Amino acid sequence: MSEDAVAAPAGSKEKAPGTLFVDPSHPMAGLVDSIPTPPSSGDLVEGTIIALGRGRLYVNLPPFGTGLIYGREYLNAADVLRKANMGDTITAKVTDPAGREGYIELSLKEARQAAIWSEAEQAIAAQTTYNLTVEDANKGGLILSWQGIQGFLPASQLSGEHYPRVADGDKDKILSELQKLVGQLLPIRIITADAKEGKLIFSERTGSEDEEKASLIDKYQVGDVLAGEVTGVVDFGVFVKLEQGLEGLVHISELDWGLVEDPRALFSVGDEVKVKIIEIKDGKVSLSIKALKENPWHTAGERYKKGMEVPGVVIKYNKHGALASIEEGVAGLVHVSEFESPAELRETLELGKSYPFKISLFEPKDQRMTLSFAGTKKEKK
């Protein structure tokens, strides 16, 4: 190839050379080991902008070829790309290593999100302090945002100076005290960052206060059953105060054996609840409420078997079809393949309504069940 020739983009149909196996002692071994690995979906890559077109941006990613940001990904990053110039270096996330026309498809938005959560993890490890403005308050704590992500600061994680000291425990008085902090700058640390759940938990407590909390945690162990008070209800679960200065989290998946989509439908701040400690790790106490209830799957085999026709209530749609509950905590999948389209499935099986189903797969030990619709499908109009 001449010096002026242009390399084919990554993912082109040119035949790749065969895999080379070299003895570790061979002089070529070091050279083989130094060959970089091509990027995969999800990888962050850095490259130089080499062309800007209408709704397209091309990035040089040597030695793997050229990256492309276009379509929805281009629109999502339009504000940033408007300021971009030829020769600028950018970091992007690979969404398809063998994408359109052989280019490596990239996303700036996803790269930004990945970088933010990575920074949050680093901030936890370094115990970095940030000064953030309190945006809102509820009876369980404060709402603040970091890097555009909204997070929660439980009242138990406030410093002694800001902790609401209400003698009679009146929730309205506690809320009134917390609302006084709205608009104030607080020095906070990130103590939990869960990208999958989109969860950020903050703390204003100092190191000495953390030591005090650690001494409180030392009194407890996994398996303990305790009475507690709900101090915060959020999308991903419920915070429960075990004693003054110590809270634990009941994740949404540990609230009940049945499907829970909104913890607020089951719990309110001030509720008295019984909880079981299921994990103590890194100064955090994880709790469960459903662990104190019998798992309905353990006895479901006594009531149901494969081939049985049962009534079920449609409780959720997903990409595979619909989930139908045949009793509290026991649900099975009605696969979309039974219908001509997802739209027909949703027209036939409406959320919250009961229909007849036949159990086509039943494995209670693995908590797995598949249902087949046994009713009459709606006629097309």
Foldseek 3Di string as FASTA:
>chain_A
DDPPDDDQAAQDPDDDDDDDDDDCVDPCNVVVVPDDDQDDAFDKAKFFFADDDDQKTWTQGPPRGIEMEGDPLCVVCVVVVVPDDGGDMDIWGFHACQDDSRHGYTHRVVVLLVVVLVVLVVQQVVVDKDWWAFAAAALQATWTDDPRQIATEGLLQEEPVQRDDDPVPDSVSNRVSRRVRHGPIAIWGWNDGDSVVSYTYIHRYDPVLLVVLVVVCVVDDAFDKAKWFFRDFDQQFTWTDRDRSDIATEGLPQEALADDRGVVVPDDGGDIAIWGFHDQPPSHTYIHRHVVPDQVLVCVVVPDDAFDKAKWAFADADPQATWTHRDGNQIAGAGPVLDPGNVQRCVFHPHGDIAIWGWHDDDSVVSYTHTYGPDDGDDDD
